[in-house]
Protein backbone atom coordinates (compact mmCIF):
# COMPACT_ATOMS: atom_id res chain seq x y z
CA UNK A 1 66.46 139.71 101.59
CA UNK A 2 66.87 135.99 102.49
CA UNK A 3 64.07 133.72 103.60
CA UNK A 4 60.81 134.94 103.92
CA UNK A 5 58.29 134.10 106.73
CA UNK A 6 55.20 135.19 108.05
CA UNK A 7 56.80 137.17 110.76
CA UNK A 8 58.74 139.06 107.80
CA UNK A 9 58.71 142.81 108.17
CA UNK A 10 59.70 146.10 106.16
CA UNK A 11 62.02 147.96 108.02
CA UNK A 12 62.94 151.63 107.30
CA UNK A 13 64.41 154.81 109.45
CA UNK A 14 61.90 157.81 110.18
CA UNK A 15 63.25 160.63 112.24
CA UNK A 16 65.92 158.80 113.57
CA UNK A 17 64.16 156.07 114.89
CA UNK A 18 63.40 152.35 113.62
CA UNK A 19 59.98 151.66 112.04
CA UNK A 20 58.59 148.44 110.80
CA UNK A 21 55.38 147.73 108.64
CA UNK A 22 54.04 144.07 108.78
CA UNK A 23 52.92 142.26 105.58
CA UNK A 24 49.86 140.67 104.64
CA UNK A 25 49.59 136.88 104.20
CA UNK A 26 51.20 135.98 100.71
CA UNK A 27 51.32 132.74 98.68
CA UNK A 28 55.11 132.32 99.53
CA UNK A 29 53.84 131.82 103.21
CA UNK A 30 51.57 128.87 102.38
CA UNK A 31 52.03 125.56 101.62
CA UNK A 32 50.99 124.20 98.20
CA UNK A 33 47.34 123.83 99.05
CA UNK A 34 47.32 127.64 99.89
CA UNK A 35 45.56 126.60 103.43
CA UNK A 36 48.35 126.82 106.14
CA UNK A 37 34.20 173.56 101.56
CA UNK A 38 36.60 176.35 101.38
CA UNK A 39 34.76 179.70 100.42
CA UNK A 40 33.15 179.73 97.03
CA UNK A 41 34.13 176.09 96.31
CA UNK A 42 31.30 173.76 94.56
CA UNK A 43 29.30 172.02 96.86
CA UNK A 44 30.73 168.20 96.16
CA UNK A 45 28.92 165.37 94.55
CA UNK A 46 28.34 162.13 96.89
CA UNK A 47 28.05 158.61 95.84
CA UNK A 48 26.82 155.74 97.53
CA UNK A 49 25.26 152.34 97.40
CA UNK A 50 21.99 150.99 99.15
CA UNK A 51 21.42 146.96 98.77
CA UNK A 52 18.68 144.90 99.90
CA UNK A 53 18.31 141.49 99.52
CA UNK A 54 16.04 138.86 97.95
CA UNK A 55 14.47 141.50 95.24
CA UNK A 56 10.94 142.35 94.56
CA UNK A 57 7.52 140.86 93.53
CA UNK A 58 7.72 142.15 89.80
CA UNK A 59 4.02 143.20 89.27
CA UNK A 60 3.74 144.95 92.61
CA UNK A 61 7.25 146.89 92.08
CA UNK A 62 8.18 147.89 88.63
CA UNK A 63 6.20 150.94 86.80
CA UNK A 64 4.15 150.48 83.85
CA UNK A 65 4.41 153.82 82.36
CA UNK A 66 8.21 154.96 81.02
CA UNK A 67 9.37 158.18 81.34
CA UNK A 68 8.89 160.96 83.81
CA UNK A 69 5.76 160.94 86.26
CA UNK A 70 5.71 157.16 86.29
CA UNK A 71 3.13 155.06 88.03
CA UNK A 72 4.02 153.88 91.53
CA UNK A 73 2.81 150.16 92.57
CA UNK A 74 2.29 148.95 95.70
CA UNK A 75 5.59 147.75 97.03
CA UNK A 76 7.33 150.71 95.96
CA UNK A 77 4.81 153.17 97.29
CA UNK A 78 7.29 154.52 100.40
CA UNK A 79 9.37 156.41 97.46
CA UNK A 80 6.36 158.38 96.64
CA UNK A 81 7.31 161.52 98.04
CA UNK A 82 10.81 161.38 96.16
CA UNK A 83 9.49 160.29 92.88
CA UNK A 84 10.73 163.46 91.28
CA UNK A 85 14.32 162.45 92.70
CA UNK A 86 14.38 158.97 92.22
CA UNK A 87 14.81 157.00 88.87
CA UNK A 88 13.63 153.28 88.22
CA UNK A 89 15.04 151.31 86.11
CA UNK A 90 13.64 147.85 84.42
CA UNK A 91 14.40 145.43 82.19
CA UNK A 92 18.37 145.51 82.84
CA UNK A 93 19.84 142.08 83.17
CA UNK A 94 22.66 140.29 84.64
CA UNK A 95 23.85 138.08 81.66
CA UNK A 96 25.65 135.02 82.68
CA UNK A 97 27.69 134.64 79.46
CA UNK A 98 27.66 130.77 80.23
CA UNK A 99 28.60 130.93 83.74
CA UNK A 100 26.25 129.52 86.19
CA UNK A 101 23.72 131.68 88.20
CA UNK A 102 25.25 131.72 91.54
CA UNK A 103 22.45 132.61 93.66
CA UNK A 104 22.29 135.47 95.71
CA UNK A 105 25.36 136.36 94.18
CA UNK A 106 25.78 137.11 90.54
CA UNK A 107 22.94 139.40 90.17
CA UNK A 108 24.61 141.81 92.71
CA UNK A 109 27.97 141.79 91.41
CA UNK A 110 26.67 142.07 87.54
CA UNK A 111 25.28 145.44 88.61
CA UNK A 112 27.83 146.38 91.12
CA UNK A 113 31.10 145.32 89.36
CA UNK A 114 30.11 144.99 85.77
CA UNK A 115 31.02 141.46 85.48
CA UNK A 116 29.28 138.18 86.10
CA UNK A 117 31.70 136.45 88.81
CA UNK A 118 32.88 132.98 88.49
CA UNK A 119 32.51 131.84 92.55
CA UNK A 120 29.82 132.76 95.11
CA UNK A 121 26.68 131.88 96.39
CA UNK A 122 24.26 132.76 99.71
CA UNK A 123 27.13 133.49 101.99
CA UNK A 124 29.27 135.70 99.51
CA UNK A 125 31.66 135.20 96.64
CA UNK A 126 34.52 136.71 94.79
CA UNK A 127 34.28 139.68 92.41
CA UNK A 128 36.10 139.89 89.06
CA UNK A 129 36.70 143.54 89.12
CA UNK A 130 36.06 146.43 91.71
CA UNK A 131 32.75 147.34 92.66
CA UNK A 132 31.64 150.61 91.25
CA UNK A 133 31.92 152.20 94.76
CA UNK A 134 35.87 151.60 95.19
CA UNK A 135 36.01 153.10 91.25
CA UNK A 136 34.05 156.28 92.49
CA UNK A 137 35.85 156.42 95.63
CA UNK A 138 39.20 156.13 93.72
CA UNK A 139 38.21 159.21 91.64
CA UNK A 140 36.26 161.44 94.24
CA UNK A 141 37.04 160.30 97.46
CA UNK A 142 41.14 161.10 98.10
CA UNK A 143 40.58 164.38 99.82
CA UNK A 144 38.55 163.09 102.75
CA UNK A 145 38.97 161.59 105.73
CA UNK A 146 37.80 158.28 104.72
CA UNK A 147 37.78 157.35 101.20
CA UNK A 148 34.61 155.53 101.75
CA UNK A 149 32.13 154.14 104.45
CA UNK A 150 30.55 150.92 104.61
CA UNK A 151 27.29 150.17 107.03
CA UNK A 152 25.35 147.16 107.59
CA UNK A 153 22.37 146.78 109.42
CA UNK A 154 22.11 143.12 110.84
CA UNK A 155 25.19 143.10 113.11
CA UNK A 156 27.58 141.19 111.10
CA UNK A 157 30.78 143.14 109.35
CA UNK A 158 31.12 140.56 106.74
CA UNK A 159 27.96 141.74 105.30
CA UNK A 160 29.50 144.33 102.68
CA UNK A 161 29.07 144.33 98.79
CA UNK A 162 31.98 146.82 98.29
CA UNK A 163 35.16 144.84 96.88
CA UNK A 164 38.41 145.83 95.30
CA UNK A 165 38.83 142.34 93.49
CA UNK A 166 38.85 138.97 94.41
CA UNK A 167 37.28 137.84 97.75
CA UNK A 168 38.33 140.73 99.98
CA UNK A 169 35.37 142.74 101.17
CA UNK A 170 35.51 146.19 102.49
CA UNK A 171 34.31 145.36 105.95
CA UNK A 172 31.10 147.26 107.36
CA UNK A 173 30.31 148.83 110.60
CA UNK A 174 27.59 147.59 112.34
CA UNK A 175 27.44 149.31 115.84
CA UNK A 176 26.37 152.87 115.81
CA UNK A 177 28.30 153.71 118.60
CA UNK A 178 31.46 152.54 117.26
CA UNK A 179 30.72 154.34 114.04
CA UNK A 180 30.15 157.51 115.98
CA UNK A 181 33.41 157.08 117.84
CA UNK A 182 35.40 156.64 114.43
CA UNK A 183 33.96 159.53 112.72
CA UNK A 184 32.94 162.18 115.27
CA UNK A 185 35.87 160.94 118.12
CA UNK A 186 39.43 162.32 118.78
CA UNK A 187 40.34 162.70 115.28
CA UNK A 188 37.36 164.41 114.22
CA UNK A 189 37.99 168.29 113.24
CA UNK A 190 34.78 170.45 113.12
CA UNK A 191 34.83 172.13 109.73
CA UNK A 192 33.04 175.25 111.03
CA UNK A 193 35.76 175.93 114.33
CA UNK A 194 37.88 178.84 113.31
CA UNK A 195 40.90 177.37 115.49
CA UNK A 196 42.42 174.21 114.13
CA UNK A 197 45.29 172.46 115.26
CA UNK A 198 47.29 169.50 113.79
CA UNK A 199 47.63 166.74 115.70
CA UNK A 200 51.16 165.58 115.96
CA UNK A 201 50.57 161.95 116.38
CA UNK A 202 49.18 162.03 112.99
CA UNK A 203 52.04 163.65 111.63
CA UNK A 204 54.27 160.69 112.70
CA UNK A 205 52.11 158.14 111.43
CA UNK A 206 51.67 159.64 107.87
CA UNK A 207 55.37 158.81 106.61
CA UNK A 208 55.68 155.31 107.61
CA UNK A 209 55.41 153.76 104.19
CA UNK A 210 57.89 156.06 102.54
CA UNK A 211 60.36 155.10 105.32
CA UNK A 212 60.54 151.46 104.10
CA UNK A 213 60.57 152.19 100.33
CA UNK A 214 63.61 150.48 99.61
CA UNK A 215 63.07 147.40 101.75
CA UNK A 216 59.84 147.34 99.71
CA UNK A 217 61.34 147.45 96.34
CA UNK A 218 63.61 144.59 97.43
CA UNK A 219 61.03 142.55 98.80
CA UNK A 220 58.96 143.07 95.17
CA UNK A 221 61.97 141.30 93.65
CA UNK A 222 61.74 138.31 95.35
CA UNK A 223 58.09 137.33 94.79
CA UNK A 224 56.23 135.67 92.38
CA UNK A 225 53.74 137.26 90.09
CA UNK A 226 50.74 136.67 92.45
CA UNK A 227 52.38 137.78 95.46
CA UNK A 228 53.60 140.75 93.67
CA UNK A 229 50.01 141.70 92.67
CA UNK A 230 48.78 141.21 96.32
CA UNK A 231 51.72 143.04 97.68
CA UNK A 232 51.05 145.99 95.29
CA UNK A 233 47.18 146.10 96.21
CA UNK A 234 48.43 146.14 99.85
CA UNK A 235 50.65 149.02 99.77
CA UNK A 236 48.23 150.74 97.49
CA UNK A 237 45.68 150.43 100.44
CA UNK A 238 48.68 151.60 103.26
CA UNK A 239 49.29 154.66 100.49
CA UNK A 240 45.53 155.36 100.82
CA UNK A 241 45.73 155.67 104.38
CA UNK A 242 48.80 157.85 104.54
CA UNK A 243 46.59 160.14 102.24
CA UNK A 244 43.54 159.87 104.61
CA UNK A 245 46.02 160.86 107.18
CA UNK A 246 47.18 163.76 105.40
CA UNK A 247 43.85 165.30 105.28
CA UNK A 248 43.79 165.45 109.15
CA UNK A 249 46.68 167.62 108.73
CA UNK A 250 45.01 170.19 106.85
CA UNK A 251 42.19 172.67 108.11
CA UNK A 252 38.90 171.33 106.83
CA UNK A 253 36.94 173.47 104.55
CA UNK A 254 33.66 175.00 106.03
CA UNK A 255 30.37 172.98 105.57
CA UNK A 256 27.22 174.79 106.76
CA UNK A 257 25.25 171.65 106.82
CA UNK A 258 27.57 170.03 109.25
CA UNK A 259 25.75 169.13 112.67
CA UNK A 260 28.01 167.48 115.26
CA UNK A 261 25.46 164.85 116.68
CA UNK A 262 25.53 163.42 120.29
CA UNK A 263 27.03 160.21 120.96
CA UNK A 264 24.15 157.55 120.69
CA UNK A 265 23.32 154.79 123.07
CA UNK A 266 24.00 151.00 122.98
CA UNK A 267 21.41 149.31 121.01
CA UNK A 268 20.67 145.91 120.39
CA UNK A 269 22.26 144.30 117.22
CA UNK A 270 20.69 141.53 114.98
CA UNK A 271 18.63 140.29 112.06
CA UNK A 272 15.32 140.93 114.03
CA UNK A 273 13.28 143.13 111.65
CA UNK A 274 12.57 145.94 114.47
CA UNK A 275 16.28 145.85 115.51
CA UNK A 276 17.64 145.89 112.11
CA UNK A 277 15.41 149.18 111.23
CA UNK A 278 16.78 150.88 114.37
CA UNK A 279 20.08 150.00 113.63
CA UNK A 280 19.77 151.15 110.14
CA UNK A 281 17.97 154.52 110.95
CA UNK A 282 21.42 155.11 113.69
CA UNK A 283 23.64 154.26 111.05
CA UNK A 284 22.12 155.91 108.56
CA UNK A 285 21.69 159.42 110.09
CA UNK A 286 25.81 158.99 111.21
CA UNK A 287 26.57 158.34 107.49
CA UNK A 288 24.54 161.35 106.40
CA UNK A 289 25.97 163.60 108.92
CA UNK A 290 29.34 162.30 107.87
CA UNK A 291 28.84 163.41 104.26
CA UNK A 292 27.31 166.55 105.42
CA UNK A 293 30.57 167.53 107.21
CA UNK A 294 32.63 166.38 104.37
CA UNK A 295 34.46 163.16 106.14
CA UNK A 296 33.53 161.07 103.24
CA UNK A 297 32.07 161.48 99.81
CA UNK A 298 31.10 157.30 99.18
CA UNK A 299 29.12 155.29 101.54
CA UNK A 300 27.73 151.85 101.00
CA UNK A 301 24.88 150.77 103.14
CA UNK A 302 23.42 146.96 103.50
CA UNK A 303 20.07 146.36 104.83
CA UNK A 304 20.96 142.55 104.87
CA UNK A 305 22.90 139.88 103.17
CA UNK A 306 21.77 139.13 99.89
CA UNK A 307 20.13 135.75 101.19
CA UNK A 308 18.42 138.12 103.61
CA UNK A 309 18.17 136.50 107.45
CA UNK A 310 15.74 139.13 108.50
CA UNK A 311 13.07 137.87 110.19
CA UNK A 312 10.30 139.03 112.80
CA UNK A 313 10.77 138.71 116.35
CA UNK A 314 9.89 135.30 117.79
CA UNK A 315 9.71 133.94 114.11
CA UNK A 316 12.77 131.45 113.32
CA UNK A 317 11.64 131.67 109.65
CA UNK A 318 14.08 134.28 107.74
CA UNK A 319 12.92 136.17 104.75
CA UNK A 320 15.16 134.11 102.55
CA UNK A 321 13.63 130.57 103.73
CA UNK A 322 10.11 132.28 103.24
CA UNK A 323 10.84 133.43 99.53
CA UNK A 324 11.47 129.39 98.93
CA UNK A 325 8.78 127.92 101.12
CA UNK A 326 6.21 130.03 101.28
CA UNK A 327 3.46 129.14 98.38
CA UNK A 328 2.01 131.90 96.27
CA UNK A 329 -1.33 132.75 97.27
CA UNK A 330 -3.77 132.23 94.60
CA UNK A 331 -5.91 135.03 95.20
CA UNK A 332 -3.21 137.39 95.83
CA UNK A 333 -0.90 136.68 93.51
CA UNK A 334 2.22 136.88 95.51
CA UNK A 335 3.70 135.36 98.67
CA UNK A 336 2.32 137.61 101.76
CA UNK A 337 4.99 136.80 104.37
CA UNK A 338 7.90 137.58 102.33
CA UNK A 339 6.31 140.41 100.77
CA UNK A 340 6.27 141.90 104.24
CA UNK A 341 10.01 142.26 104.14
CA UNK A 342 10.06 143.51 100.51
CA UNK A 343 7.76 146.41 101.63
CA UNK A 344 9.62 147.06 104.60
CA UNK A 345 12.85 147.47 102.61
CA UNK A 346 11.36 149.92 100.55
CA UNK A 347 10.15 151.32 103.46
CA UNK A 348 13.62 151.65 105.04
CA UNK A 349 15.15 152.92 101.56
CA UNK A 350 12.53 155.60 102.00
CA UNK A 351 13.95 156.65 105.23
CA UNK A 352 17.25 157.10 103.89
CA UNK A 353 16.37 159.09 100.95
CA UNK A 354 14.20 161.37 103.79
CA UNK A 355 17.47 161.38 105.85
CA UNK A 356 19.62 162.83 102.89
CA UNK A 357 16.87 165.28 101.59
CA UNK A 358 16.41 166.83 104.77
CA UNK A 359 19.95 168.54 104.88
CA UNK A 360 19.72 171.77 102.91
CA UNK A 361 22.87 172.08 100.81
CA UNK A 362 23.16 175.47 98.62
CA UNK A 363 20.07 175.51 96.28
CA UNK A 364 18.85 171.90 97.11
CA UNK A 365 19.56 169.37 99.69
CA UNK A 366 22.29 166.86 100.17
CA UNK A 367 20.17 164.07 98.17
CA UNK A 368 20.36 166.55 95.44
CA UNK A 369 24.13 166.76 95.45
CA UNK A 370 24.42 163.06 95.43
CA UNK A 371 23.66 159.77 93.48
CA UNK A 372 22.50 156.67 95.12
CA UNK A 373 22.56 153.36 93.68
CA UNK A 374 19.82 151.10 95.08
CA UNK A 375 19.71 147.28 93.83
CA UNK A 376 18.92 143.79 94.78
CA UNK A 377 20.46 140.72 93.53
CA UNK A 378 17.50 138.97 92.61
CA UNK A 379 14.06 139.75 90.50
CA UNK A 380 11.97 137.17 92.06
CA UNK A 381 13.89 135.19 94.63
CA UNK A 382 12.17 132.12 94.70
CA UNK A 383 13.72 131.31 91.44
CA UNK A 384 16.48 133.34 91.73
CA UNK A 385 15.97 135.31 88.75
CA UNK A 386 18.64 137.45 87.65
CA UNK A 387 16.79 139.10 84.85
CA UNK A 388 14.94 142.55 85.15
CA UNK A 389 16.83 143.18 88.39
CA UNK A 390 15.32 146.15 90.78
CA UNK A 391 17.48 149.08 90.31
CA UNK A 392 17.18 152.74 91.53
CA UNK A 393 19.05 155.90 91.53
CA UNK A 394 18.25 158.66 93.81
CA UNK A 395 19.57 162.10 93.45
CA UNK A 396 20.67 164.78 91.07
CA UNK A 397 24.44 164.81 91.22
CA UNK A 398 24.31 168.66 91.41
CA UNK A 399 21.97 168.84 88.36
CA UNK A 400 24.02 166.47 86.17
CA UNK A 401 21.37 163.55 86.44
CA UNK A 402 17.96 163.98 85.09
CA UNK A 403 16.13 162.36 87.93
CA UNK A 404 12.39 161.08 88.00
CA UNK A 405 12.14 158.60 85.07
CA UNK A 406 11.55 155.41 84.44
CA UNK A 407 13.90 153.95 82.13
CA UNK A 408 13.45 150.27 80.10
CA UNK A 409 16.65 148.55 79.44
CA UNK A 410 15.19 145.95 76.88
CA UNK A 411 17.22 143.34 78.10
CA UNK A 412 20.72 144.85 78.28
CA UNK A 413 23.18 144.63 81.19
CA UNK A 414 22.49 146.38 83.94
CA UNK A 415 25.99 147.46 83.84
CA UNK A 416 24.89 150.21 81.42
CA UNK A 417 23.64 152.17 84.84
CA UNK A 418 26.89 151.80 86.14
CA UNK A 419 28.64 153.23 83.26
CA UNK A 420 26.11 155.99 83.33
CA UNK A 421 26.76 156.74 86.74
CA UNK A 422 30.43 157.15 85.99
CA UNK A 423 30.46 159.12 83.30
CA UNK A 424 27.83 161.74 84.95
CA UNK A 425 30.34 161.62 87.82
CA UNK A 426 33.08 162.71 85.35
CA UNK A 427 35.34 159.62 85.36
CA UNK A 428 37.00 159.42 82.17
CA UNK A 429 35.33 156.00 81.23
CA UNK A 430 34.20 155.13 77.98
CA UNK A 431 32.98 151.52 78.51
CA UNK A 432 32.53 149.31 81.53
CA UNK A 433 32.07 145.58 82.56
CA UNK A 434 33.51 142.49 81.04
CA UNK A 435 32.40 139.70 78.69
CA UNK A 436 28.47 139.96 77.82
CA UNK A 437 28.07 142.48 80.86
CA UNK A 438 30.56 145.03 78.67
CA UNK A 439 29.03 148.10 77.51
CA UNK A 440 30.10 151.43 75.98
CA UNK A 441 26.17 152.47 76.01
CA UNK A 442 25.21 155.26 78.60
CA UNK A 443 21.73 155.97 79.50
CA UNK A 444 21.44 159.11 77.65
CA UNK A 445 17.75 159.66 78.97
CA UNK A 446 19.36 160.52 82.51
CA UNK A 447 22.26 162.55 81.55
CA UNK A 448 22.06 166.21 81.53
């Protein structure tokens, strides 16, 4: 192909016109330091994650009773109305396998990717394997407009725990207005409208990658193995976009639960608790309606970054700082100021449950036809504990998940939860994880 530069492009012809596709940043461009519902169709099953930072107070959160009708402690009390639809998991660990405990990172990636990561910290890090939402999206999310949706509630799009592998994060939408326009703007096709007219602009966009196929293959031969892998991931992403565009050219299946909302007004964004709560409610409502309207089947909600920067209005001290600096009250047995945010996090999770459970679908609700994995990166954040991680799974997967139980893992890797979810969703996996986190043992208690 000749000398490659950062301005290199792939060229092709489509319908008599020249088209070009830009390239991602490759090692070859860098210096040595790397710096420079159809009628009668079954109701779909959805999957999502809901993440909160800085853990829990063990004695105030985990139930004592194992099995159904588990007891609900103070911090978990907001989910009481949904106990029959929420499974709680205790004594499941991030097993580091000789790796360092990367504070506010290892615990999250262990549960979400099945591996203990090699790099990371409060500000983020790498994933040694794709997170579970990406794997599930590849299995159930290819026939919707959006393979997945990611939202974050503190105003930072970089706050996301959805990763393909490496350091590339699937960025979050943080602005409810932008999310609304993305979901229900000009390209939205109401599934319950009788008429359907494909958008010719989408027809033109769909075949760009095919038109540069020959040039792409020549380029791949000239690259090193790392660049070939990176470019292959890039083109996989482009192909996925093409597939999503293809969905826009087909009349969507009817969705009785689909209600097209009005555009929300502009709201303040940021880590102040009241502001973040409002953002969560608006973003969550839009995600739920996107699920009901079959715009996606996979979603990820991040209440905050793992080393949570949530704070009260007028208080410069964040939740994360409180977990380390506030002493444990001798009479109460916990940190009261930090615990405020732990309790509020569970209230917010309960609000997401309420939104999903309020959408009727078939003989149940949207929540009944979903699985939502909720977790945090720490148990007791003051000491960065990654043993006995707080994990919940809400929903019933259309009857395939026995909900409403407390299951103790007896020190097993938290990846057992992810393996179980994948098998319940019909994915052909017999084991999941890596190293000491690898498991071939699903949690039979919750499998219908």
